[in-house]
Amino acid sequence: MREKTKINKNRDYKKIYSRGKSMASPVVVTYLLKSKLPAVRFGITTSKKIGNAVKRNRARRIIRAAFAELKNKVKNGYDLIFVARSKTCFVKTQDVLKDMKIHLEKFGALK
């Protein structure tokens, strides 16, 4: 069984932001860093620029649902951070999924 864990520590976020690769679209920004762990770890960031708590929570739900469809296709040993943008809470999960898939294919993180 493959582990999927969340990134919770601030130092992990900072490390991925500074050392990792990034790719942006109008809907989501993806940060990726190769790790030595045998699992895929991911985190979601939403800032107050997106809107009130309702919009931020919707953006997180959309990103989480899109990644749930992709998580079994991601190679082991990667740390991922998805940053919501202002359009994220207004689009469908399939739009975010399409952008995530493009980003991960360009990074070479998909099986």
N, C-alpha and C. Protein backbone atom coordinates (compact mmCIF):
# COMPACT_ATOMS: atom_id res chain seq x y z
N MET A 1 0.84 -1.18 0.00
CA MET A 1 0.00 0.00 0.00
C MET A 1 0.87 1.24 0.00
N ARG A 2 0.50 2.22 -0.76
CA ARG A 2 1.26 3.44 -0.91
C ARG A 2 0.75 4.50 0.05
N GLU A 3 1.66 5.17 0.72
CA GLU A 3 1.25 6.21 1.65
C GLU A 3 1.06 7.53 0.93
N LYS A 4 0.03 8.26 1.32
CA LYS A 4 -0.17 9.62 0.87
C LYS A 4 -0.34 10.46 2.13
N THR A 5 0.59 11.31 2.39
CA THR A 5 0.54 12.10 3.60
C THR A 5 0.48 13.57 3.25
N LYS A 6 0.05 14.33 4.21
CA LYS A 6 -0.03 15.78 4.04
C LYS A 6 1.25 16.43 4.54
N ILE A 7 1.56 17.56 3.97
CA ILE A 7 2.68 18.36 4.43
C ILE A 7 2.11 19.34 5.45
N ASN A 8 2.60 19.25 6.68
CA ASN A 8 2.07 20.09 7.75
C ASN A 8 3.06 21.10 8.29
N LYS A 9 4.32 20.80 8.23
CA LYS A 9 5.33 21.65 8.85
C LYS A 9 5.68 22.84 7.97
N ASN A 10 5.83 23.99 8.60
CA ASN A 10 6.19 25.21 7.88
C ASN A 10 7.55 25.08 7.22
N ARG A 11 8.49 24.39 7.88
CA ARG A 11 9.82 24.24 7.29
C ARG A 11 9.77 23.42 6.00
N ASP A 12 8.85 22.46 5.91
CA ASP A 12 8.70 21.68 4.69
C ASP A 12 8.16 22.55 3.55
N TYR A 13 7.18 23.39 3.85
CA TYR A 13 6.66 24.31 2.84
C TYR A 13 7.77 25.23 2.35
N LYS A 14 8.53 25.80 3.27
CA LYS A 14 9.61 26.72 2.88
C LYS A 14 10.65 26.03 2.02
N LYS A 15 10.99 24.79 2.36
CA LYS A 15 11.98 24.04 1.59
C LYS A 15 11.48 23.78 0.17
N ILE A 16 10.23 23.41 0.04
CA ILE A 16 9.67 23.13 -1.28
C ILE A 16 9.57 24.41 -2.10
N TYR A 17 9.16 25.51 -1.47
CA TYR A 17 9.08 26.78 -2.18
C TYR A 17 10.45 27.23 -2.67
N SER A 18 11.48 27.06 -1.85
CA SER A 18 12.79 27.58 -2.22
C SER A 18 13.57 26.65 -3.16
N ARG A 19 13.50 25.34 -2.96
CA ARG A 19 14.30 24.41 -3.75
C ARG A 19 13.54 23.74 -4.89
N GLY A 20 12.23 23.75 -4.82
CA GLY A 20 11.43 23.01 -5.80
C GLY A 20 11.21 23.76 -7.10
N LYS A 21 10.66 23.04 -8.05
CA LYS A 21 10.29 23.61 -9.34
C LYS A 21 8.84 24.08 -9.23
N SER A 22 8.49 25.08 -10.02
CA SER A 22 7.11 25.56 -9.99
C SER A 22 6.59 25.77 -11.40
N MET A 23 5.28 25.68 -11.52
CA MET A 23 4.61 25.92 -12.77
C MET A 23 3.25 26.53 -12.44
N ALA A 24 2.86 27.54 -13.19
CA ALA A 24 1.62 28.26 -12.87
C ALA A 24 0.65 28.23 -14.05
N SER A 25 -0.61 28.28 -13.70
CA SER A 25 -1.69 28.45 -14.66
C SER A 25 -2.66 29.45 -14.03
N PRO A 26 -3.66 29.90 -14.76
CA PRO A 26 -4.62 30.86 -14.16
C PRO A 26 -5.42 30.28 -13.00
N VAL A 27 -5.45 28.95 -12.87
CA VAL A 27 -6.27 28.31 -11.86
C VAL A 27 -5.48 27.81 -10.66
N VAL A 28 -4.27 27.28 -10.89
CA VAL A 28 -3.50 26.69 -9.80
C VAL A 28 -2.00 26.81 -10.09
N VAL A 29 -1.22 26.93 -9.01
CA VAL A 29 0.24 26.91 -9.10
C VAL A 29 0.71 25.62 -8.46
N THR A 30 1.63 24.92 -9.11
CA THR A 30 2.14 23.65 -8.61
C THR A 30 3.62 23.76 -8.30
N TYR A 31 4.00 23.37 -7.09
CA TYR A 31 5.40 23.28 -6.69
C TYR A 31 5.72 21.81 -6.50
N LEU A 32 6.91 21.39 -6.97
CA LEU A 32 7.29 19.99 -6.89
C LEU A 32 8.74 19.89 -6.45
N LEU A 33 9.00 18.97 -5.54
CA LEU A 33 10.36 18.70 -5.08
C LEU A 33 10.52 17.20 -4.90
N LYS A 34 11.60 16.67 -5.44
CA LYS A 34 11.92 15.24 -5.27
C LYS A 34 12.34 15.02 -3.83
N SER A 35 11.80 13.99 -3.19
CA SER A 35 12.16 13.69 -1.81
C SER A 35 12.67 12.27 -1.69
N LYS A 36 13.25 11.95 -0.56
CA LYS A 36 13.78 10.61 -0.32
C LYS A 36 12.76 9.69 0.33
N LEU A 37 11.59 10.21 0.65
CA LEU A 37 10.55 9.40 1.28
C LEU A 37 9.87 8.51 0.25
N PRO A 38 9.41 7.34 0.65
CA PRO A 38 8.75 6.43 -0.29
C PRO A 38 7.26 6.74 -0.47
N ALA A 39 6.87 7.98 -0.27
CA ALA A 39 5.46 8.35 -0.34
C ALA A 39 5.30 9.63 -1.14
N VAL A 40 4.07 9.90 -1.52
CA VAL A 40 3.72 11.16 -2.16
C VAL A 40 3.11 12.04 -1.08
N ARG A 41 3.74 13.18 -0.82
CA ARG A 41 3.19 14.12 0.15
C ARG A 41 2.68 15.34 -0.59
N PHE A 42 1.57 15.90 -0.11
CA PHE A 42 1.04 17.09 -0.76
C PHE A 42 0.49 18.07 0.27
N GLY A 43 0.45 19.32 -0.15
CA GLY A 43 -0.10 20.38 0.69
C GLY A 43 -0.87 21.35 -0.19
N ILE A 44 -1.78 22.08 0.42
CA ILE A 44 -2.60 23.06 -0.30
C ILE A 44 -2.47 24.39 0.42
N THR A 45 -2.26 25.45 -0.34
CA THR A 45 -2.14 26.78 0.23
C THR A 45 -3.20 27.68 -0.40
N THR A 46 -3.91 28.41 0.45
CA THR A 46 -4.86 29.42 -0.02
C THR A 46 -4.64 30.68 0.80
N SER A 47 -4.44 31.79 0.14
CA SER A 47 -4.20 33.03 0.86
C SER A 47 -5.50 33.82 1.00
N LYS A 48 -5.44 34.85 1.79
CA LYS A 48 -6.63 35.69 2.00
C LYS A 48 -6.95 36.54 0.78
N LYS A 49 -6.04 36.60 -0.17
CA LYS A 49 -6.31 37.34 -1.41
C LYS A 49 -7.41 36.68 -2.22
N ILE A 50 -7.64 35.39 -1.99
CA ILE A 50 -8.66 34.65 -2.74
C ILE A 50 -10.06 35.10 -2.35
N GLY A 51 -10.25 35.42 -1.09
CA GLY A 51 -11.57 35.84 -0.64
C GLY A 51 -11.81 35.44 0.79
N ASN A 52 -13.07 35.38 1.15
CA ASN A 52 -13.41 35.03 2.53
C ASN A 52 -13.24 33.53 2.76
N ALA A 53 -13.54 33.08 3.95
CA ALA A 53 -13.30 31.69 4.34
C ALA A 53 -14.09 30.71 3.47
N VAL A 54 -15.27 31.09 3.05
CA VAL A 54 -16.09 30.20 2.22
C VAL A 54 -15.39 29.94 0.89
N LYS A 55 -14.87 30.99 0.27
CA LYS A 55 -14.18 30.84 -1.02
C LYS A 55 -12.88 30.06 -0.87
N ARG A 56 -12.15 30.34 0.21
CA ARG A 56 -10.89 29.61 0.43
C ARG A 56 -11.14 28.13 0.66
N ASN A 57 -12.18 27.79 1.43
CA ASN A 57 -12.50 26.38 1.67
C ASN A 57 -12.97 25.70 0.39
N ARG A 58 -13.73 26.40 -0.43
CA ARG A 58 -14.17 25.83 -1.71
C ARG A 58 -12.97 25.56 -2.60
N ALA A 59 -12.03 26.49 -2.64
CA ALA A 59 -10.82 26.30 -3.45
C ALA A 59 -10.04 25.08 -2.97
N ARG A 60 -9.92 24.92 -1.65
CA ARG A 60 -9.21 23.75 -1.11
C ARG A 60 -9.94 22.46 -1.46
N ARG A 61 -11.27 22.45 -1.37
CA ARG A 61 -12.04 21.25 -1.71
C ARG A 61 -11.87 20.88 -3.18
N ILE A 62 -11.87 21.88 -4.05
CA ILE A 62 -11.72 21.63 -5.49
C ILE A 62 -10.34 21.04 -5.77
N ILE A 63 -9.31 21.62 -5.17
CA ILE A 63 -7.94 21.12 -5.38
C ILE A 63 -7.79 19.71 -4.83
N ARG A 64 -8.34 19.46 -3.65
CA ARG A 64 -8.25 18.14 -3.03
C ARG A 64 -8.96 17.09 -3.89
N ALA A 65 -10.13 17.44 -4.44
CA ALA A 65 -10.88 16.50 -5.27
C ALA A 65 -10.13 16.21 -6.58
N ALA A 66 -9.51 17.23 -7.16
CA ALA A 66 -8.76 17.02 -8.40
C ALA A 66 -7.54 16.14 -8.14
N PHE A 67 -6.84 16.38 -7.03
CA PHE A 67 -5.66 15.57 -6.74
C PHE A 67 -6.02 14.14 -6.38
N ALA A 68 -7.20 13.92 -5.82
CA ALA A 68 -7.64 12.57 -5.48
C ALA A 68 -7.73 11.69 -6.71
N GLU A 69 -8.05 12.29 -7.86
CA GLU A 69 -8.12 11.52 -9.10
C GLU A 69 -6.74 11.23 -9.67
N LEU A 70 -5.75 12.05 -9.33
CA LEU A 70 -4.40 11.89 -9.88
C LEU A 70 -3.43 11.18 -8.96
N LYS A 71 -3.75 11.03 -7.68
CA LYS A 71 -2.74 10.60 -6.71
C LYS A 71 -2.16 9.22 -6.99
N ASN A 72 -2.92 8.33 -7.58
CA ASN A 72 -2.39 7.00 -7.88
C ASN A 72 -1.51 6.98 -9.13
N LYS A 73 -1.53 8.08 -9.89
CA LYS A 73 -0.72 8.16 -11.09
C LYS A 73 0.61 8.88 -10.85
N VAL A 74 0.79 9.46 -9.67
CA VAL A 74 2.02 10.18 -9.35
C VAL A 74 3.07 9.20 -8.84
N LYS A 75 4.30 9.34 -9.33
CA LYS A 75 5.39 8.48 -8.89
C LYS A 75 5.69 8.72 -7.42
N ASN A 76 6.20 7.70 -6.74
CA ASN A 76 6.60 7.85 -5.34
C ASN A 76 7.81 8.76 -5.21
N GLY A 77 7.93 9.39 -4.05
CA GLY A 77 9.11 10.19 -3.76
C GLY A 77 9.01 11.64 -4.19
N TYR A 78 7.80 12.19 -4.23
CA TYR A 78 7.63 13.60 -4.58
C TYR A 78 6.85 14.32 -3.50
N ASP A 79 7.23 15.58 -3.27
CA ASP A 79 6.47 16.49 -2.42
C ASP A 79 5.82 17.51 -3.34
N LEU A 80 4.52 17.71 -3.18
CA LEU A 80 3.77 18.62 -4.04
C LEU A 80 3.05 19.66 -3.19
N ILE A 81 3.04 20.88 -3.66
CA ILE A 81 2.22 21.92 -3.04
C ILE A 81 1.39 22.55 -4.14
N PHE A 82 0.11 22.68 -3.89
CA PHE A 82 -0.80 23.33 -4.83
C PHE A 82 -1.26 24.64 -4.19
N VAL A 83 -1.09 25.73 -4.93
CA VAL A 83 -1.47 27.05 -4.44
C VAL A 83 -2.70 27.49 -5.23
N ALA A 84 -3.76 27.81 -4.52
CA ALA A 84 -4.99 28.25 -5.16
C ALA A 84 -4.82 29.69 -5.64
N ARG A 85 -5.46 29.99 -6.74
CA ARG A 85 -5.45 31.34 -7.27
C ARG A 85 -6.86 31.90 -7.18
N SER A 86 -7.03 33.15 -7.54
CA SER A 86 -8.34 33.80 -7.35
C SER A 86 -9.45 33.16 -8.19
N LYS A 87 -9.11 32.53 -9.31
CA LYS A 87 -10.13 31.89 -10.15
C LYS A 87 -10.49 30.48 -9.69
N THR A 88 -9.72 29.90 -8.78
CA THR A 88 -9.90 28.50 -8.41
C THR A 88 -11.29 28.22 -7.86
N CYS A 89 -11.82 29.10 -7.04
CA CYS A 89 -13.12 28.82 -6.42
C CYS A 89 -14.29 28.99 -7.39
N PHE A 90 -14.02 29.48 -8.60
CA PHE A 90 -15.09 29.69 -9.57
C PHE A 90 -15.10 28.66 -10.69
N VAL A 91 -14.14 27.74 -10.71
CA VAL A 91 -14.06 26.77 -11.80
C VAL A 91 -14.45 25.38 -11.29
N LYS A 92 -14.62 24.48 -12.22
CA LYS A 92 -14.97 23.10 -11.90
C LYS A 92 -13.71 22.30 -11.57
N THR A 93 -13.91 21.18 -10.90
CA THR A 93 -12.80 20.31 -10.53
C THR A 93 -12.06 19.81 -11.77
N GLN A 94 -12.77 19.55 -12.84
CA GLN A 94 -12.14 19.04 -14.06
C GLN A 94 -11.17 20.04 -14.67
N ASP A 95 -11.44 21.34 -14.53
CA ASP A 95 -10.51 22.36 -15.03
C ASP A 95 -9.21 22.35 -14.24
N VAL A 96 -9.32 22.21 -12.93
CA VAL A 96 -8.13 22.15 -12.07
C VAL A 96 -7.38 20.85 -12.35
N LEU A 97 -8.09 19.75 -12.53
CA LEU A 97 -7.48 18.46 -12.83
C LEU A 97 -6.68 18.53 -14.12
N LYS A 98 -7.23 19.18 -15.13
CA LYS A 98 -6.55 19.30 -16.42
C LYS A 98 -5.23 20.06 -16.25
N ASP A 99 -5.24 21.17 -15.52
CA ASP A 99 -4.02 21.95 -15.31
C ASP A 99 -3.01 21.17 -14.46
N MET A 100 -3.46 20.47 -13.42
CA MET A 100 -2.56 19.66 -12.60
C MET A 100 -1.88 18.59 -13.44
N LYS A 101 -2.66 17.93 -14.29
CA LYS A 101 -2.11 16.87 -15.12
C LYS A 101 -1.05 17.43 -16.08
N ILE A 102 -1.30 18.58 -16.65
CA ILE A 102 -0.32 19.21 -17.54
C ILE A 102 0.96 19.52 -16.77
N HIS A 103 0.83 20.10 -15.58
CA HIS A 103 2.00 20.44 -14.78
C HIS A 103 2.82 19.20 -14.42
N LEU A 104 2.14 18.17 -13.93
CA LEU A 104 2.83 16.97 -13.50
C LEU A 104 3.46 16.21 -14.66
N GLU A 105 2.84 16.26 -15.83
CA GLU A 105 3.45 15.63 -17.01
C GLU A 105 4.72 16.36 -17.42
N LYS A 106 4.70 17.69 -17.37
CA LYS A 106 5.89 18.47 -17.72
C LYS A 106 7.01 18.25 -16.72
N PHE A 107 6.67 18.05 -15.46
CA PHE A 107 7.68 17.76 -14.44
C PHE A 107 8.21 16.34 -14.56
N GLY A 108 7.46 15.45 -15.21
CA GLY A 108 7.85 14.05 -15.31
C GLY A 108 7.50 13.27 -14.06
N ALA A 109 6.49 13.69 -13.34
CA ALA A 109 6.12 13.05 -12.08
C ALA A 109 5.01 12.00 -12.24
N LEU A 110 4.43 11.88 -13.42
CA LEU A 110 3.38 10.88 -13.62
C LEU A 110 3.96 9.58 -14.14
N LYS A 111 3.30 8.49 -13.78
CA LYS A 111 3.74 7.14 -14.22
C LYS A 111 3.45 6.97 -15.70
